[in-house]
Every structure is written in structure tokens, then in C-alpha cells.
Amino acid sequence: MVIPDSRNKYLDVLIAIRRVNEITYRAISEAVRKHGCTREQFEALWACELSARPITPAELSRWTFRQPHSVVGLLNRMEKQGLIERRRNNSGPKRTLVSPTQKGREIFNVAYPAMVHVVNNIGHQFPEDEMLQFTLFLKRVHDAALEELKSSVHKRTPARHKRKAASSSETT
């Protein structure tokens, strides 16, 4: 793997993580595509399978780290293909609930082992202690990036609220 000489060791690591992520996702995409779904559809079906109850599009958006509008588009395509069904939650807040159809479950049940096979083929090359160290390292990178994102959003939020408050008081 060729890593650009960024002259910044932290950037080099992030570039390496991104490249590994992309190539791994391509391999997974190829594996699940053979069973009738895209990687994005597979991830949505997986989220549904992991949940003990139907999930909302917002929960799916958080689980997949996708923007809500892209999740809605994905769900529209999946519903059209008969992979998921959406229904209103009549017992609580007005929300849409998503659950896999029988066809969606069948596709997931054959695509999941194919994905696990790819992951195992990649992972079996590393001793368990290296995998543990790497997992702990990635968790620390994940947590640091999440904190940076929260900090960035937090810094922007007050100004937005101030503008809204100012525009509300101007209209009254």
C-alpha cells in the first residue's frame, strides 16, 4: 500500500485507515452483490436484524452514519424492491417504522455469511493479540473523531440558535 508523503504522521494514519476501509468495503460489496443487494441495502437489513423491534429511519441514519435524506432514498428503493416495509407507529409518536420483508430476510440470511467469509479471510491473517491492539487503537481514533465532531457541532449550534432567536423577536 502506497501512502502519500503528507509530512504529517496523523494524516498518514488516517489516509491508511480510509484506504483499508474503502478496499474492504469494495470486497464486501462484491460479496453481498452476488446475493441480490448492495452494501448499503445489506447494512440497512443488518440494522433491522440487529434490532429487536422495527427501527425508525432516524435510527437507521445514526446506525449507518448516513444523512437522513440519503436513508430515505435508500428505503424508497428497498421498499420498491420488496426488501423492507414501512408503517406508521400508531401507538406513540408519529414516526415511520421500518422492518425487513420475508424477501429482505432471505437475502440478508444468504448475504451475511458471504460478508463474514470476506471478513474472516482478511482477518485470519493476523494474530489475536494484534487484532485486539488494532481494535483498541481504532476505538480510540473513533472516540477522538466523535469528540471532534461533537465539539465542531457544539461550536456552531449557539450561533444558529442566536440567529433564530433574533429573527423570532424581530417578527413579534
C-alpha atoms as a PDB file:
ATOM      1  CA  MET A   1       0.000   0.000   0.000  1.00  0.00           C
ATOM      2  CA  VAL A   2       1.419   3.346  -1.021  1.00  0.00           C
ATOM      3  CA  ILE A   3       0.711   6.150   1.400  1.00  0.00           C
ATOM      4  CA  PRO A   4       1.251   9.712   0.234  1.00  0.00           C
ATOM      5  CA  ASP A   5       4.059  11.547   1.994  1.00  0.00           C
ATOM      6  CA  SER A   6       1.864  14.075   3.735  1.00  0.00           C
ATOM      7  CA  ARG A   7       4.615  15.062   6.176  1.00  0.00           C
ATOM      8  CA  ASN A   8       2.055  14.565   8.906  1.00  0.00           C
ATOM      9  CA  LYS A   9       2.079  11.190  10.636  1.00  0.00           C
ATOM     10  CA  TYR A  10      -1.503  11.553  11.879  1.00  0.00           C
ATOM     11  CA  LEU A  11      -2.776  12.322   8.401  1.00  0.00           C
ATOM     12  CA  ASP A  12      -0.808   9.357   7.035  1.00  0.00           C
ATOM     13  CA  VAL A  13      -2.576   7.079   9.527  1.00  0.00           C
ATOM     14  CA  LEU A  14      -5.999   8.465   8.627  1.00  0.00           C
ATOM     15  CA  ILE A  15      -5.271   8.050   4.917  1.00  0.00           C
ATOM     16  CA  ALA A  16      -4.224   4.442   5.551  1.00  0.00           C
ATOM     17  CA  ILE A  17      -7.420   3.784   7.548  1.00  0.00           C
ATOM     18  CA  ARG A  18      -9.522   5.305   4.758  1.00  0.00           C
ATOM     19  CA  ARG A  19      -7.808   3.191   2.086  1.00  0.00           C
ATOM     20  CA  VAL A  20      -8.261  -0.003   4.112  1.00  0.00           C
ATOM     21  CA  ASN A  21     -11.891   0.924   4.726  1.00  0.00           C
ATOM     22  CA  GLU A  22     -12.559   1.546   1.030  1.00  0.00           C
ATOM     23  CA  ILE A  23     -10.925  -1.633  -0.245  1.00  0.00           C
ATOM     24  CA  THR A  24     -12.563  -3.747   2.467  1.00  0.00           C
ATOM     25  CA  TYR A  25     -15.968  -2.249   1.682  1.00  0.00           C
ATOM     26  CA  ARG A  26     -15.423  -2.986  -2.013  1.00  0.00           C
ATOM     27  CA  ALA A  27     -14.726  -6.618  -1.195  1.00  0.00           C
ATOM     28  CA  ILE A  28     -17.835  -6.794   0.999  1.00  0.00           C
ATOM     29  CA  SER A  29     -19.901  -5.033  -1.687  1.00  0.00           C
ATOM     30  CA  GLU A  30     -18.871  -7.653  -4.243  1.00  0.00           C
ATOM     31  CA  ALA A  31     -19.732 -10.477  -1.857  1.00  0.00           C
ATOM     32  CA  VAL A  32     -23.238  -9.251  -0.981  1.00  0.00           C
ATOM     33  CA  ARG A  33     -23.999  -8.100  -4.552  1.00  0.00           C
ATOM     34  CA  LYS A  34     -23.813 -11.744  -5.633  1.00  0.00           C
ATOM     35  CA  HIS A  35     -26.803 -12.359  -3.339  1.00  0.00           C
ATOM     36  CA  GLY A  36     -29.035  -9.607  -4.665  1.00  0.00           C
ATOM     37  CA  CYS A  37     -28.326  -6.486  -2.646  1.00  0.00           C
ATOM     38  CA  THR A  38     -25.970  -3.564  -2.468  1.00  0.00           C
ATOM     39  CA  ARG A  39     -23.720  -2.989   0.543  1.00  0.00           C
ATOM     40  CA  GLU A  40     -25.942  -0.084   1.596  1.00  0.00           C
ATOM     41  CA  GLN A  41     -29.039  -2.288   1.408  1.00  0.00           C
ATOM     42  CA  PHE A  42     -27.189  -5.010   3.299  1.00  0.00           C
ATOM     43  CA  GLU A  43     -26.281  -2.525   6.061  1.00  0.00           C
ATOM     44  CA  ALA A  44     -29.919  -1.409   6.346  1.00  0.00           C
ATOM     45  CA  LEU A  45     -31.115  -5.024   6.534  1.00  0.00           C
ATOM     46  CA  TRP A  46     -28.404  -5.754   9.101  1.00  0.00           C
ATOM     47  CA  ALA A  47     -29.542  -2.853  11.279  1.00  0.00           C
ATOM     48  CA  CYS A  48     -33.092  -4.181  11.076  1.00  0.00           C
ATOM     49  CA  GLU A  49     -31.925  -7.675  12.010  1.00  0.00           C
ATOM     50  CA  LEU A  50     -29.885  -6.424  14.973  1.00  0.00           C
ATOM     51  CA  SER A  51     -32.830  -4.548  16.406  1.00  0.00           C
ATOM     52  CA  ALA A  52     -35.336  -6.462  18.470  1.00  0.00           C
ATOM     53  CA  ARG A  53     -38.070  -4.208  17.049  1.00  0.00           C
ATOM     54  CA  PRO A  54     -38.790  -2.225  13.878  1.00  0.00           C
ATOM     55  CA  ILE A  55     -36.491   0.796  13.584  1.00  0.00           C
ATOM     56  CA  THR A  56     -37.062   4.365  12.504  1.00  0.00           C
ATOM     57  CA  PRO A  57     -35.310   5.972   9.526  1.00  0.00           C
ATOM     58  CA  ALA A  58     -33.555   8.280  12.024  1.00  0.00           C
ATOM     59  CA  GLU A  59     -32.158   5.292  13.921  1.00  0.00           C
ATOM     60  CA  LEU A  60     -31.004   3.776  10.641  1.00  0.00           C
ATOM     61  CA  SER A  61     -29.352   7.073   9.733  1.00  0.00           C
ATOM     62  CA  ARG A  62     -27.426   7.099  13.025  1.00  0.00           C
ATOM     63  CA  TRP A  63     -26.502   3.413  12.756  1.00  0.00           C
ATOM     64  CA  THR A  64     -25.111   3.769   9.228  1.00  0.00           C
ATOM     65  CA  PHE A  65     -23.633   7.274   9.675  1.00  0.00           C
ATOM     66  CA  ARG A  66     -25.653   8.462   6.663  1.00  0.00           C
ATOM     67  CA  GLN A  67     -27.572  11.669   6.153  1.00  0.00           C
ATOM     68  CA  PRO A  68     -31.333  11.298   6.734  1.00  0.00           C
ATOM     69  CA  HIS A  69     -32.211  12.244   3.140  1.00  0.00           C
ATOM     70  CA  SER A  70     -29.942   9.507   1.740  1.00  0.00           C
ATOM     71  CA  VAL A  71     -31.528   6.957   4.095  1.00  0.00           C
ATOM     72  CA  VAL A  72     -34.990   7.955   2.874  1.00  0.00           C
ATOM     73  CA  GLY A  73     -33.864   7.442  -0.741  1.00  0.00           C
ATOM     74  CA  LEU A  74     -32.344   4.075   0.151  1.00  0.00           C
ATOM     75  CA  LEU A  75     -35.537   2.993   1.926  1.00  0.00           C
ATOM     76  CA  ASN A  76     -37.644   4.107  -1.056  1.00  0.00           C
ATOM     77  CA  ARG A  77     -35.580   1.885  -3.367  1.00  0.00           C
ATOM     78  CA  MET A  78     -35.622  -1.022  -0.912  1.00  0.00           C
ATOM     79  CA  GLU A  79     -39.381  -0.775  -0.469  1.00  0.00           C
ATOM     80  CA  LYS A  80     -39.864  -0.736  -4.246  1.00  0.00           C
ATOM     81  CA  GLN A  81     -37.732  -3.924  -4.470  1.00  0.00           C
ATOM     82  CA  GLY A  82     -39.744  -5.561  -1.699  1.00  0.00           C
ATOM     83  CA  LEU A  83     -36.849  -5.754   0.797  1.00  0.00           C
ATOM     84  CA  ILE A  84     -38.402  -3.657   3.578  1.00  0.00           C
ATOM     85  CA  GLU A  85     -41.778  -2.381   4.627  1.00  0.00           C
ATOM     86  CA  ARG A  86     -42.617   0.905   6.300  1.00  0.00           C
ATOM     87  CA  ARG A  87     -45.575   1.555   8.518  1.00  0.00           C
ATOM     88  CA  ARG A  88     -46.776   4.294  10.807  1.00  0.00           C
ATOM     89  CA  ASN A  89     -46.318   3.930  14.544  1.00  0.00           C
ATOM     90  CA  ASN A  90     -49.885   4.352  15.784  1.00  0.00           C
ATOM     91  CA  SER A  91     -49.120   3.659  19.437  1.00  0.00           C
ATOM     92  CA  GLY A  92     -46.686   6.502  20.092  1.00  0.00           C
ATOM     93  CA  PRO A  93     -45.125   9.497  18.428  1.00  0.00           C
ATOM     94  CA  LYS A  94     -45.916   9.853  14.743  1.00  0.00           C
ATOM     95  CA  ARG A  95     -42.954   8.038  13.240  1.00  0.00           C
ATOM     96  CA  THR A  96     -42.347   5.624  10.449  1.00  0.00           C
ATOM     97  CA  LEU A  97     -41.146   2.172  11.440  1.00  0.00           C
ATOM     98  CA  VAL A  98     -39.012   0.052   9.120  1.00  0.00           C
ATOM     99  CA  SER A  99     -38.759  -3.718   9.138  1.00  0.00           C
ATOM    100  CA  PRO A 100     -37.477  -6.269   6.626  1.00  0.00           C
ATOM    101  CA  THR A 101     -39.883  -8.265   4.498  1.00  0.00           C
ATOM    102  CA  GLN A 102     -39.571 -12.008   4.067  1.00  0.00           C
ATOM    103  CA  LYS A 103     -37.619 -11.355   0.857  1.00  0.00           C
ATOM    104  CA  GLY A 104     -35.323  -8.932   2.725  1.00  0.00           C
ATOM    105  CA  ARG A 105     -34.679 -11.500   5.466  1.00  0.00           C
ATOM    106  CA  GLU A 106     -33.942 -14.210   2.903  1.00  0.00           C
ATOM    107  CA  ILE A 107     -31.423 -12.003   1.090  1.00  0.00           C
ATOM    108  CA  PHE A 108     -29.821 -10.949   4.370  1.00  0.00           C
ATOM    109  CA  ASN A 109     -29.584 -14.567   5.532  1.00  0.00           C
ATOM    110  CA  VAL A 110     -27.516 -15.558   2.480  1.00  0.00           C
ATOM    111  CA  ALA A 111     -25.557 -12.289   2.165  1.00  0.00           C
ATOM    112  CA  TYR A 112     -24.474 -12.252   5.820  1.00  0.00           C
ATOM    113  CA  PRO A 113     -22.399 -15.458   5.625  1.00  0.00           C
ATOM    114  CA  ALA A 114     -20.806 -14.152   2.403  1.00  0.00           C
ATOM    115  CA  MET A 115     -19.812 -10.940   4.201  1.00  0.00           C
ATOM    116  CA  VAL A 116     -18.473 -12.908   7.193  1.00  0.00           C
ATOM    117  CA  HIS A 117     -16.436 -15.076   4.807  1.00  0.00           C
ATOM    118  CA  VAL A 118     -14.749 -11.989   3.321  1.00  0.00           C
ATOM    119  CA  VAL A 119     -14.063 -10.506   6.744  1.00  0.00           C
ATOM    120  CA  ASN A 120     -12.669 -13.793   8.058  1.00  0.00           C
ATOM    121  CA  ASN A 121     -10.418 -14.198   5.001  1.00  0.00           C
ATOM    122  CA  ILE A 122      -8.951 -10.783   5.708  1.00  0.00           C
ATOM    123  CA  GLY A 123      -8.789 -11.099   9.485  1.00  0.00           C
ATOM    124  CA  HIS A 124      -7.433 -14.638   9.831  1.00  0.00           C
ATOM    125  CA  GLN A 125      -4.026 -13.395   8.690  1.00  0.00           C
ATOM    126  CA  PHE A 126      -3.466 -11.582  11.972  1.00  0.00           C
ATOM    127  CA  PRO A 127      -2.733 -12.997  15.414  1.00  0.00           C
ATOM    128  CA  GLU A 128      -5.423 -12.371  18.012  1.00  0.00           C
ATOM    129  CA  ASP A 129      -3.231 -10.041  20.093  1.00  0.00           C
ATOM    130  CA  GLU A 130      -2.592  -7.823  17.034  1.00  0.00           C
ATOM    131  CA  MET A 131      -6.311  -7.737  16.256  1.00  0.00           C
ATOM    132  CA  LEU A 132      -7.048  -6.704  19.848  1.00  0.00           C
ATOM    133  CA  GLN A 133      -4.413  -3.940  19.761  1.00  0.00           C
ATOM    134  CA  PHE A 134      -5.713  -2.717  16.417  1.00  0.00           C
ATOM    135  CA  THR A 135      -9.318  -2.756  17.636  1.00  0.00           C
ATOM    136  CA  LEU A 136      -8.367  -0.739  20.715  1.00  0.00           C
ATOM    137  CA  PHE A 137      -6.437   1.721  18.535  1.00  0.00           C
ATOM    138  CA  LEU A 138      -9.394   2.151  16.174  1.00  0.00           C
ATOM    139  CA  LYS A 139     -11.740   2.673  19.123  1.00  0.00           C
ATOM    140  CA  ARG A 140      -9.520   5.486  20.353  1.00  0.00           C
ATOM    141  CA  VAL A 141      -9.442   7.057  16.870  1.00  0.00           C
ATOM    142  CA  HIS A 142     -13.231   6.671  16.630  1.00  0.00           C
ATOM    143  CA  ASP A 143     -13.815   8.265  20.025  1.00  0.00           C
ATOM    144  CA  ALA A 144     -11.424  11.148  19.292  1.00  0.00           C
ATOM    145  CA  ALA A 145     -13.078  11.810  15.922  1.00  0.00           C
ATOM    146  CA  LEU A 146     -16.528  11.671  17.504  1.00  0.00           C
ATOM    147  CA  GLU A 147     -15.463  14.161  20.177  1.00  0.00           C
ATOM    148  CA  GLU A 148     -14.050  16.451  17.490  1.00  0.00           C
ATOM    149  CA  LEU A 149     -17.311  16.221  15.581  1.00  0.00           C
ATOM    150  CA  LYS A 150     -19.361  16.946  18.708  1.00  0.00           C
ATOM    151  CA  SER A 151     -17.101  19.884  19.514  1.00  0.00           C
ATOM    152  CA  SER A 152     -17.440  21.247  15.982  1.00  0.00           C
ATOM    153  CA  VAL A 153     -21.239  20.921  16.028  1.00  0.00           C
ATOM    154  CA  HIS A 154     -21.405  22.397  19.531  1.00  0.00           C
ATOM    155  CA  LYS A 155     -19.379  25.440  18.444  1.00  0.00           C
ATOM    156  CA  ARG A 156     -21.789  26.115  15.562  1.00  0.00           C
ATOM    157  CA  THR A 157     -25.053  25.471  17.412  1.00  0.00           C
ATOM    158  CA  PRO A 158     -25.217  28.551  19.673  1.00  0.00           C
ATOM    159  CA  ALA A 159     -24.830  30.967  16.739  1.00  0.00           C
ATOM    160  CA  ARG A 160     -27.651  29.253  14.877  1.00  0.00           C
ATOM    161  CA  HIS A 161     -29.896  29.477  17.939  1.00  0.00           C
ATOM    162  CA  LYS A 162     -28.968  33.123  18.400  1.00  0.00           C
ATOM    163  CA  ARG A 163     -29.960  33.887  14.804  1.00  0.00           C
ATOM    164  CA  LYS A 164     -33.263  32.053  15.223  1.00  0.00           C
ATOM    165  CA  ALA A 165     -33.985  33.878  18.470  1.00  0.00           C
ATOM    166  CA  ALA A 166     -33.121  37.223  16.889  1.00  0.00           C
ATOM    167  CA  SER A 167     -35.319  36.594  13.854  1.00  0.00           C
ATOM    168  CA  SER A 168     -38.207  35.449  16.095  1.00  0.00           C
ATOM    169  CA  SER A 169     -38.045  38.607  18.189  1.00  0.00           C
ATOM    170  CA  GLU A 170     -37.974  40.755  15.042  1.00  0.00           C
ATOM    171  CA  THR A 171     -41.196  39.232  13.748  1.00  0.00           C
ATOM    172  CA  THR A 172     -43.099  39.730  17.002  1.00  0.00           C
END
